[in-house]
Amino acid sequence: MAGLLDSGNYDAFAQPIVTTWSTSTTLNTYVVGTSAGLDTIALTVSAGANITGGVISFYVFDGAAYIPIKCPSVSNYLTYSSYPLVANVTAGFTVPVAGYPAFQFQLTSAITTSSGPGTTLITTISSSAPDVSVTAVGIDPSSTSQPVGSGSINTGQATVGASATLIVASRIGNGGNGAGGAGTGRTAVTISNNGTAVIFIGPAGVTTATGMAIYQNTSVTLNTTAAIYGVVASSTQPATYLETF
C-alpha cells in the first residue's frame, strides 16, 4: 500500500492502489500491504464481463502468520473471508485491520473466462478512520429498546429464471404483536440462494444489471412489505424465503 497523503496526519486516506489480475495470474499470487497504525482498508473487486470463475481471499498478519479475516460487504450485512468473482459485478468490502501490522489478499482459485484473458481490478484504500457507515449500519442511535418480535412466520420456495420472477409476494399492513398474535404485515423477509449461480433481487422488472446479488449458499434479510423478484443470468436457480409478520 502507498503512504498516506499526509505522512504527518494519520487520520487520512491513502492514494488508491489498483491491482489487475487475469487468467495469466498464477494461482496463489498475493498482494501485501502495511496496515500498522491503520483501522480500515476499503477494498473493491470489479470482475470483467467474460469472467466465469476465480476466488480472492482476505488475510491479516497477527505477528506470526497470515490468518483469514471476515470483511463486511458494503452492499449487505454479510461478511466474506473469500469472494468468488462474478462477471460484470463490482463488490466492495471494509477490512478491519486495527491492531494488525499487515493485510494480504490472495488468488486462491484461478481466474477463468468464457473467452480471452479477462481482467479483474482490485482497488485498496487504507485509512486510519474506521468506516462507521459499515460498522454502524442499521443502528438507530436514538433507539433505546429492542424491536418487538413478530407473531407469525411463513416459508416458501421459488424457481428463479432468466426473466424477473416473483420470489415472495407483498404483505402489507400491521406486524404481529410479538406474543403469538398473527400480524397482517411483514416485519422482515430473509431470502436464501440455494443454487450454484448468483441470484439478483429487486422490484418487478429487476435485471442482472440492476438487482442486488445474493451469492451461492448466502442469504439477505430485508425489512420491507413489498414484493421481491429475482433473476439469474441463465437457466434457473432455487431460492428460499422466510418472512415474519
C-alpha atoms as a PDB file:
ATOM      1  CA  MET A   1       0.000   0.000   0.000  1.00  0.00           C
ATOM      2  CA  ALA A   2       1.197   3.528  -0.631  1.00  0.00           C
ATOM      3  CA  GLY A   3       1.891   6.004   2.143  1.00  0.00           C
ATOM      4  CA  LEU A   4      -0.818   8.278   3.408  1.00  0.00           C
ATOM      5  CA  LEU A   5      -1.460  11.530   1.606  1.00  0.00           C
ATOM      6  CA  ASP A   6      -0.241  13.454   4.663  1.00  0.00           C
ATOM      7  CA  SER A   7       2.524  11.424   6.317  1.00  0.00           C
ATOM      8  CA  GLY A   8       2.246  13.507   9.469  1.00  0.00           C
ATOM      9  CA  ASN A   9      -1.501  13.116   9.786  1.00  0.00           C
ATOM     10  CA  TYR A  10      -2.712   9.546  10.108  1.00  0.00           C
ATOM     11  CA  ASP A  11      -6.391  10.489  10.131  1.00  0.00           C
ATOM     12  CA  ALA A  12      -6.362  10.425   6.334  1.00  0.00           C
ATOM     13  CA  PHE A  13      -6.825   8.250   3.270  1.00  0.00           C
ATOM     14  CA  ALA A  14      -4.043   6.769   1.170  1.00  0.00           C
ATOM     15  CA  GLN A  15      -3.894   7.021  -2.582  1.00  0.00           C
ATOM     16  CA  PRO A  16      -5.857   4.144  -4.164  1.00  0.00           C
ATOM     17  CA  ILE A  17      -3.758   1.170  -5.237  1.00  0.00           C
ATOM     18  CA  VAL A  18      -5.128  -0.793  -8.222  1.00  0.00           C
ATOM     19  CA  THR A  19      -4.085  -4.373  -8.958  1.00  0.00           C
ATOM     20  CA  THR A  20      -5.047  -6.080 -12.238  1.00  0.00           C
ATOM     21  CA  TRP A  21      -5.328  -9.877 -12.366  1.00  0.00           C
ATOM     22  CA  SER A  22      -6.323 -12.133 -15.277  1.00  0.00           C
ATOM     23  CA  THR A  23      -6.168 -15.765 -16.425  1.00  0.00           C
ATOM     24  CA  SER A  24      -2.388 -15.386 -16.710  1.00  0.00           C
ATOM     25  CA  THR A  25      -2.120 -14.554 -12.994  1.00  0.00           C
ATOM     26  CA  THR A  26      -0.563 -17.502 -11.176  1.00  0.00           C
ATOM     27  CA  LEU A  27      -2.661 -19.307  -8.574  1.00  0.00           C
ATOM     28  CA  ASN A  28      -1.842 -18.133  -5.011  1.00  0.00           C
ATOM     29  CA  THR A  29      -0.488 -14.793  -6.231  1.00  0.00           C
ATOM     30  CA  TYR A  30      -0.884 -12.298  -3.407  1.00  0.00           C
ATOM     31  CA  VAL A  31      -0.504  -8.623  -2.609  1.00  0.00           C
ATOM     32  CA  VAL A  32       0.641  -7.484   0.836  1.00  0.00           C
ATOM     33  CA  GLY A  33       0.075  -4.029   2.287  1.00  0.00           C
ATOM     34  CA  THR A  34       1.270  -2.455   5.520  1.00  0.00           C
ATOM     35  CA  SER A  35      -1.607  -1.680   7.877  1.00  0.00           C
ATOM     36  CA  ALA A  36       0.247  -0.750  11.082  1.00  0.00           C
ATOM     37  CA  GLY A  37      -1.427   2.253  12.708  1.00  0.00           C
ATOM     38  CA  LEU A  38      -4.462   1.985  10.433  1.00  0.00           C
ATOM     39  CA  ASP A  39      -8.048   0.995  11.190  1.00  0.00           C
ATOM     40  CA  THR A  40      -9.662   0.238   7.870  1.00  0.00           C
ATOM     41  CA  ILE A  41      -8.943  -0.821   4.311  1.00  0.00           C
ATOM     42  CA  ALA A  42     -11.655  -0.204   1.725  1.00  0.00           C
ATOM     43  CA  LEU A  43     -11.351  -2.933  -0.923  1.00  0.00           C
ATOM     44  CA  THR A  44     -13.240  -3.087  -4.233  1.00  0.00           C
ATOM     45  CA  VAL A  45     -13.247  -6.061  -6.621  1.00  0.00           C
ATOM     46  CA  SER A  46     -14.505  -5.496 -10.169  1.00  0.00           C
ATOM     47  CA  ALA A  47     -14.699  -8.520 -12.497  1.00  0.00           C
ATOM     48  CA  GLY A  48     -14.886  -8.222 -16.284  1.00  0.00           C
ATOM     49  CA  ALA A  49     -17.761  -9.335 -18.497  1.00  0.00           C
ATOM     50  CA  ASN A  50     -16.228 -12.666 -19.529  1.00  0.00           C
ATOM     51  CA  ILE A  51     -15.141 -13.861 -16.071  1.00  0.00           C
ATOM     52  CA  THR A  52     -16.503 -17.330 -15.214  1.00  0.00           C
ATOM     53  CA  GLY A  53     -14.524 -18.237 -12.094  1.00  0.00           C
ATOM     54  CA  GLY A  54     -11.879 -17.302  -9.561  1.00  0.00           C
ATOM     55  CA  VAL A  55     -11.753 -16.648  -5.814  1.00  0.00           C
ATOM     56  CA  ILE A  56      -9.971 -13.892  -3.878  1.00  0.00           C
ATOM     57  CA  SER A  57      -9.311 -14.465  -0.167  1.00  0.00           C
ATOM     58  CA  PHE A  58      -8.510 -11.913   2.538  1.00  0.00           C
ATOM     59  CA  TYR A  59      -5.933 -12.233   5.343  1.00  0.00           C
ATOM     60  CA  VAL A  60      -4.279 -10.197   8.106  1.00  0.00           C
ATOM     61  CA  PHE A  61      -0.910 -10.771   9.775  1.00  0.00           C
ATOM     62  CA  ASP A  62      -1.167 -11.482  13.517  1.00  0.00           C
ATOM     63  CA  GLY A  63       2.569 -11.229  14.159  1.00  0.00           C
ATOM     64  CA  ALA A  64       3.252 -14.893  13.446  1.00  0.00           C
ATOM     65  CA  ALA A  65       1.203 -15.885  10.393  1.00  0.00           C
ATOM     66  CA  TYR A  66      -1.423 -14.674   7.951  1.00  0.00           C
ATOM     67  CA  ILE A  67      -4.907 -15.623   9.143  1.00  0.00           C
ATOM     68  CA  PRO A  68      -8.299 -15.283   7.379  1.00  0.00           C
ATOM     69  CA  ILE A  69     -10.248 -12.101   8.156  1.00  0.00           C
ATOM     70  CA  LYS A  70     -14.002 -11.619   7.713  1.00  0.00           C
ATOM     71  CA  CYS A  71     -14.729  -8.466   5.724  1.00  0.00           C
ATOM     72  CA  PRO A  72     -18.176  -6.810   5.814  1.00  0.00           C
ATOM     73  CA  SER A  73     -19.740  -6.194   2.416  1.00  0.00           C
ATOM     74  CA  VAL A  74     -20.817  -2.610   1.779  1.00  0.00           C
ATOM     75  CA  SER A  75     -23.995  -3.768  -0.015  1.00  0.00           C
ATOM     76  CA  ASN A  76     -25.477  -6.115   2.618  1.00  0.00           C
ATOM     77  CA  TYR A  77     -24.995  -7.481   6.130  1.00  0.00           C
ATOM     78  CA  LEU A  78     -22.824 -10.412   5.013  1.00  0.00           C
ATOM     79  CA  THR A  79     -19.133 -10.913   5.764  1.00  0.00           C
ATOM     80  CA  TYR A  80     -16.648 -12.637   3.489  1.00  0.00           C
ATOM     81  CA  SER A  81     -13.225 -14.176   4.067  1.00  0.00           C
ATOM     82  CA  SER A  82     -13.222 -15.302   0.412  1.00  0.00           C
ATOM     83  CA  TYR A  83     -15.046 -13.743  -2.519  1.00  0.00           C
ATOM     84  CA  PRO A  84     -15.991 -15.670  -5.722  1.00  0.00           C
ATOM     85  CA  LEU A  85     -15.648 -13.490  -8.808  1.00  0.00           C
ATOM     86  CA  VAL A  86     -18.850 -12.781 -10.748  1.00  0.00           C
ATOM     87  CA  ALA A  87     -18.878 -11.335 -14.263  1.00  0.00           C
ATOM     88  CA  ASN A  88     -19.860  -7.660 -14.505  1.00  0.00           C
ATOM     89  CA  VAL A  89     -20.233  -7.372 -10.708  1.00  0.00           C
ATOM     90  CA  THR A  90     -18.329  -4.871  -8.579  1.00  0.00           C
ATOM     91  CA  ALA A  91     -18.200  -5.765  -4.880  1.00  0.00           C
ATOM     92  CA  GLY A  92     -16.964  -3.558  -2.054  1.00  0.00           C
ATOM     93  CA  PHE A  93     -15.639  -4.641   1.340  1.00  0.00           C
ATOM     94  CA  THR A  94     -14.395  -2.971   4.505  1.00  0.00           C
ATOM     95  CA  VAL A  95     -11.393  -4.752   6.046  1.00  0.00           C
ATOM     96  CA  PRO A  96     -10.984  -4.168   9.831  1.00  0.00           C
ATOM     97  CA  VAL A  97      -7.186  -4.034  10.207  1.00  0.00           C
ATOM     98  CA  ALA A  98      -6.807  -2.242  13.578  1.00  0.00           C
ATOM     99  CA  GLY A  99      -4.078  -3.986  15.579  1.00  0.00           C
ATOM    100  CA  TYR A 100      -2.717  -5.934  12.604  1.00  0.00           C
ATOM    101  CA  PRO A 101       0.602  -4.853  11.044  1.00  0.00           C
ATOM    102  CA  ALA A 102      -0.171  -6.151   7.534  1.00  0.00           C
ATOM    103  CA  PHE A 103      -3.013  -7.121   5.221  1.00  0.00           C
ATOM    104  CA  GLN A 104      -2.982  -9.522   2.262  1.00  0.00           C
ATOM    105  CA  PHE A 105      -5.371 -10.542  -0.499  1.00  0.00           C
ATOM    106  CA  GLN A 106      -4.624 -13.704  -2.466  1.00  0.00           C
ATOM    107  CA  LEU A 107      -5.884 -15.514  -5.568  1.00  0.00           C
ATOM    108  CA  THR A 108      -6.942 -18.846  -4.031  1.00  0.00           C
ATOM    109  CA  SER A 109      -8.844 -20.160  -7.070  1.00  0.00           C
ATOM    110  CA  ALA A 110      -7.570 -19.433 -10.568  1.00  0.00           C
ATOM    111  CA  ILE A 111      -9.377 -16.913 -12.766  1.00  0.00           C
ATOM    112  CA  THR A 112     -11.272 -18.446 -15.690  1.00  0.00           C
ATOM    113  CA  THR A 113     -13.127 -16.785 -18.564  1.00  0.00           C
ATOM    114  CA  SER A 114     -15.537 -17.661 -21.339  1.00  0.00           C
ATOM    115  CA  SER A 115     -13.023 -16.213 -23.826  1.00  0.00           C
ATOM    116  CA  GLY A 116      -9.781 -14.262 -23.698  1.00  0.00           C
ATOM    117  CA  PRO A 117      -7.675 -13.420 -20.646  1.00  0.00           C
ATOM    118  CA  GLY A 118     -10.285 -11.271 -18.901  1.00  0.00           C
ATOM    119  CA  THR A 119      -9.436  -8.735 -16.198  1.00  0.00           C
ATOM    120  CA  THR A 120     -10.277  -8.294 -12.555  1.00  0.00           C
ATOM    121  CA  LEU A 121      -9.432  -4.993 -10.849  1.00  0.00           C
ATOM    122  CA  ILE A 122      -8.778  -4.909  -7.097  1.00  0.00           C
ATOM    123  CA  THR A 123      -8.624  -1.428  -5.564  1.00  0.00           C
ATOM    124  CA  THR A 124      -7.485  -0.779  -1.983  1.00  0.00           C
ATOM    125  CA  ILE A 125      -7.602   2.446   0.023  1.00  0.00           C
ATOM    126  CA  SER A 126      -6.151   2.448   3.556  1.00  0.00           C
ATOM    127  CA  SER A 127      -7.344   4.795   6.277  1.00  0.00           C
ATOM    128  CA  SER A 128      -6.898   5.486   9.973  1.00  0.00           C
ATOM    129  CA  ALA A 129     -10.609   6.245  10.381  1.00  0.00           C
ATOM    130  CA  PRO A 130     -12.973   3.272  10.865  1.00  0.00           C
ATOM    131  CA  ASP A 131     -15.807   3.044   8.352  1.00  0.00           C
ATOM    132  CA  VAL A 132     -18.733   3.995  10.585  1.00  0.00           C
ATOM    133  CA  SER A 133     -21.190   3.614   7.704  1.00  0.00           C
ATOM    134  CA  VAL A 134     -20.498  -0.132   7.690  1.00  0.00           C
ATOM    135  CA  THR A 135     -19.849  -0.847  11.358  1.00  0.00           C
ATOM    136  CA  ALA A 136     -22.960   1.034  12.490  1.00  0.00           C
ATOM    137  CA  VAL A 137     -25.275   0.217   9.594  1.00  0.00           C
ATOM    138  CA  GLY A 138     -28.841  -0.495  10.678  1.00  0.00           C
ATOM    139  CA  ILE A 139     -28.343   1.030  14.157  1.00  0.00           C
ATOM    140  CA  ASP A 140     -30.533   3.894  15.292  1.00  0.00           C
ATOM    141  CA  PRO A 141     -28.533   5.727  17.996  1.00  0.00           C
ATOM    142  CA  SER A 142     -31.718   7.328  19.336  1.00  0.00           C
ATOM    143  CA  SER A 143     -33.358   3.955  19.938  1.00  0.00           C
ATOM    144  CA  THR A 144     -33.187   2.578  23.491  1.00  0.00           C
ATOM    145  CA  SER A 145     -35.351  -0.533  23.129  1.00  0.00           C
ATOM    146  CA  GLN A 146     -35.111  -3.810  21.255  1.00  0.00           C
ATOM    147  CA  PRO A 147     -37.523  -4.399  18.342  1.00  0.00           C
ATOM    148  CA  VAL A 148     -40.635  -6.426  19.140  1.00  0.00           C
ATOM    149  CA  GLY A 149     -40.741  -9.849  17.545  1.00  0.00           C
ATOM    150  CA  SER A 150     -43.431 -10.769  15.056  1.00  0.00           C
ATOM    151  CA  GLY A 151     -46.291 -13.130  15.807  1.00  0.00           C
ATOM    152  CA  SER A 152     -46.104 -15.380  12.733  1.00  0.00           C
ATOM    153  CA  ILE A 153     -43.667 -16.788  10.186  1.00  0.00           C
ATOM    154  CA  ASN A 154     -44.079 -18.189   6.696  1.00  0.00           C
ATOM    155  CA  THR A 155     -41.679 -20.019   4.386  1.00  0.00           C
ATOM    156  CA  GLY A 156     -41.661 -20.826   0.700  1.00  0.00           C
ATOM    157  CA  GLN A 157     -39.557 -21.606  -2.345  1.00  0.00           C
ATOM    158  CA  ALA A 158     -39.298 -20.203  -5.841  1.00  0.00           C
ATOM    159  CA  THR A 159     -37.511 -21.185  -9.030  1.00  0.00           C
ATOM    160  CA  VAL A 160     -35.842 -18.040 -10.334  1.00  0.00           C
ATOM    161  CA  GLY A 161     -35.429 -17.770 -14.094  1.00  0.00           C
ATOM    162  CA  ALA A 162     -33.679 -15.559 -16.639  1.00  0.00           C
ATOM    163  CA  SER A 163     -36.540 -13.030 -16.509  1.00  0.00           C
ATOM    164  CA  ALA A 164     -37.855 -11.321 -13.372  1.00  0.00           C
ATOM    165  CA  THR A 165     -39.503 -13.995 -11.204  1.00  0.00           C
ATOM    166  CA  LEU A 166     -41.646 -13.399  -8.118  1.00  0.00           C
ATOM    167  CA  ILE A 167     -39.903 -14.867  -5.062  1.00  0.00           C
ATOM    168  CA  VAL A 168     -42.224 -13.581  -2.329  1.00  0.00           C
ATOM    169  CA  ALA A 169     -45.435 -11.570  -2.687  1.00  0.00           C
ATOM    170  CA  SER A 170     -46.080  -8.303  -0.864  1.00  0.00           C
ATOM    171  CA  ARG A 171     -47.550  -8.471   2.634  1.00  0.00           C
ATOM    172  CA  ILE A 172     -48.760  -5.082   3.791  1.00  0.00           C
ATOM    173  CA  GLY A 173     -50.470  -3.958   6.981  1.00  0.00           C
ATOM    174  CA  ASN A 174     -49.527  -4.160  10.645  1.00  0.00           C
ATOM    175  CA  GLY A 175     -46.993  -6.622  12.041  1.00  0.00           C
ATOM    176  CA  GLY A 176     -47.649  -9.213  14.766  1.00  0.00           C
ATOM    177  CA  ASN A 177     -47.689  -8.313  18.440  1.00  0.00           C
ATOM    178  CA  GLY A 178     -44.676 -10.429  19.422  1.00  0.00           C
ATOM    179  CA  ALA A 179     -46.753 -12.565  21.792  1.00  0.00           C
ATOM    180  CA  GLY A 180     -48.127 -15.107  19.354  1.00  0.00           C
ATOM    181  CA  GLY A 181     -50.679 -12.806  17.759  1.00  0.00           C
ATOM    182  CA  ALA A 182     -50.875 -13.055  13.975  1.00  0.00           C
ATOM    183  CA  GLY A 183     -49.936  -9.953  12.049  1.00  0.00           C
ATOM    184  CA  THR A 184     -51.114  -8.857   8.646  1.00  0.00           C
ATOM    185  CA  GLY A 185     -47.979  -7.000   7.520  1.00  0.00           C
ATOM    186  CA  ARG A 186     -44.458  -8.289   7.024  1.00  0.00           C
ATOM    187  CA  THR A 187     -41.779  -7.339   9.557  1.00  0.00           C
ATOM    188  CA  ALA A 188     -38.852  -8.809   7.597  1.00  0.00           C
ATOM    189  CA  VAL A 189     -38.044 -11.430   4.982  1.00  0.00           C
ATOM    190  CA  THR A 190     -34.875 -13.486   4.537  1.00  0.00           C
ATOM    191  CA  ILE A 191     -34.073 -14.822   1.059  1.00  0.00           C
ATOM    192  CA  SER A 192     -31.506 -17.604   0.586  1.00  0.00           C
ATOM    193  CA  ASN A 193     -29.751 -18.685  -2.604  1.00  0.00           C
ATOM    194  CA  ASN A 194     -29.775 -22.483  -2.637  1.00  0.00           C
ATOM    195  CA  GLY A 195     -28.343 -22.788  -6.144  1.00  0.00           C
ATOM    196  CA  THR A 196     -24.928 -22.608  -7.765  1.00  0.00           C
ATOM    197  CA  ALA A 197     -25.184 -19.247  -9.541  1.00  0.00           C
ATOM    198  CA  VAL A 198     -25.836 -15.673  -8.416  1.00  0.00           C
ATOM    199  CA  ILE A 199     -29.437 -14.530  -7.933  1.00  0.00           C
ATOM    200  CA  PHE A 200     -30.138 -10.812  -8.350  1.00  0.00           C
ATOM    201  CA  ILE A 201     -33.120  -9.483  -6.362  1.00  0.00           C
ATOM    202  CA  GLY A 202     -35.179  -6.303  -6.556  1.00  0.00           C
ATOM    203  CA  PRO A 203     -38.609  -4.985  -7.571  1.00  0.00           C
ATOM    204  CA  ALA A 204     -40.696  -6.149 -10.537  1.00  0.00           C
ATOM    205  CA  GLY A 205     -38.624  -5.871 -13.703  1.00  0.00           C
ATOM    206  CA  VAL A 206     -35.307  -6.434 -11.909  1.00  0.00           C
ATOM    207  CA  THR A 207     -32.373  -7.418 -14.143  1.00  0.00           C
ATOM    208  CA  THR A 208     -28.876  -8.765 -13.522  1.00  0.00           C
ATOM    209  CA  ALA A 209     -27.622  -5.215 -14.054  1.00  0.00           C
ATOM    210  CA  THR A 210     -29.987  -3.535 -11.561  1.00  0.00           C
ATOM    211  CA  GLY A 211     -30.538  -6.178  -8.868  1.00  0.00           C
ATOM    212  CA  MET A 212     -28.679  -6.870  -5.631  1.00  0.00           C
ATOM    213  CA  ALA A 213     -26.554 -10.018  -5.813  1.00  0.00           C
ATOM    214  CA  ILE A 214     -27.101 -12.981  -3.499  1.00  0.00           C
ATOM    215  CA  TYR A 215     -24.282 -15.465  -3.873  1.00  0.00           C
ATOM    216  CA  GLN A 216     -24.375 -19.256  -3.575  1.00  0.00           C
ATOM    217  CA  ASN A 217     -25.286 -20.508  -0.075  1.00  0.00           C
ATOM    218  CA  THR A 218     -25.779 -16.989   1.303  1.00  0.00           C
ATOM    219  CA  SER A 219     -28.828 -15.063   2.478  1.00  0.00           C
ATOM    220  CA  VAL A 220     -30.032 -11.485   2.762  1.00  0.00           C
ATOM    221  CA  THR A 221     -32.663 -10.044   5.120  1.00  0.00           C
ATOM    222  CA  LEU A 222     -34.858  -7.115   4.075  1.00  0.00           C
ATOM    223  CA  ASN A 223     -37.218  -5.069   6.238  1.00  0.00           C
ATOM    224  CA  THR A 224     -39.896  -4.467   3.636  1.00  0.00           C
ATOM    225  CA  THR A 225     -43.549  -5.256   2.942  1.00  0.00           C
ATOM    226  CA  ALA A 226     -43.011  -5.080  -0.844  1.00  0.00           C
ATOM    227  CA  ALA A 227     -42.985  -7.952  -3.314  1.00  0.00           C
ATOM    228  CA  ILE A 228     -39.471  -9.176  -4.118  1.00  0.00           C
ATOM    229  CA  TYR A 229     -38.433 -10.519  -7.503  1.00  0.00           C
ATOM    230  CA  GLY A 230     -35.298 -12.349  -8.639  1.00  0.00           C
ATOM    231  CA  VAL A 231     -33.460 -13.011 -11.874  1.00  0.00           C
ATOM    232  CA  VAL A 232     -30.437 -15.081 -12.953  1.00  0.00           C
ATOM    233  CA  ALA A 233     -28.114 -14.735 -15.938  1.00  0.00           C
ATOM    234  CA  SER A 234     -29.221 -18.035 -17.474  1.00  0.00           C
ATOM    235  CA  SER A 235     -31.117 -21.248 -16.721  1.00  0.00           C
ATOM    236  CA  THR A 236     -32.860 -21.352 -13.308  1.00  0.00           C
ATOM    237  CA  GLN A 237     -31.836 -21.269  -9.643  1.00  0.00           C
ATOM    238  CA  PRO A 238     -33.749 -22.235  -6.475  1.00  0.00           C
ATOM    239  CA  ALA A 239     -34.453 -19.595  -3.837  1.00  0.00           C
ATOM    240  CA  THR A 240     -35.996 -19.984  -0.373  1.00  0.00           C
ATOM    241  CA  TYR A 241     -37.641 -17.294   1.727  1.00  0.00           C
ATOM    242  CA  LEU A 242     -38.718 -16.956   5.357  1.00  0.00           C
ATOM    243  CA  GLU A 243     -40.882 -13.996   6.304  1.00  0.00           C
ATOM    244  CA  THR A 244     -42.032 -12.748   9.706  1.00  0.00           C
ATOM    245  CA  PHE A 245     -45.324 -10.868  10.056  1.00  0.00           C
END
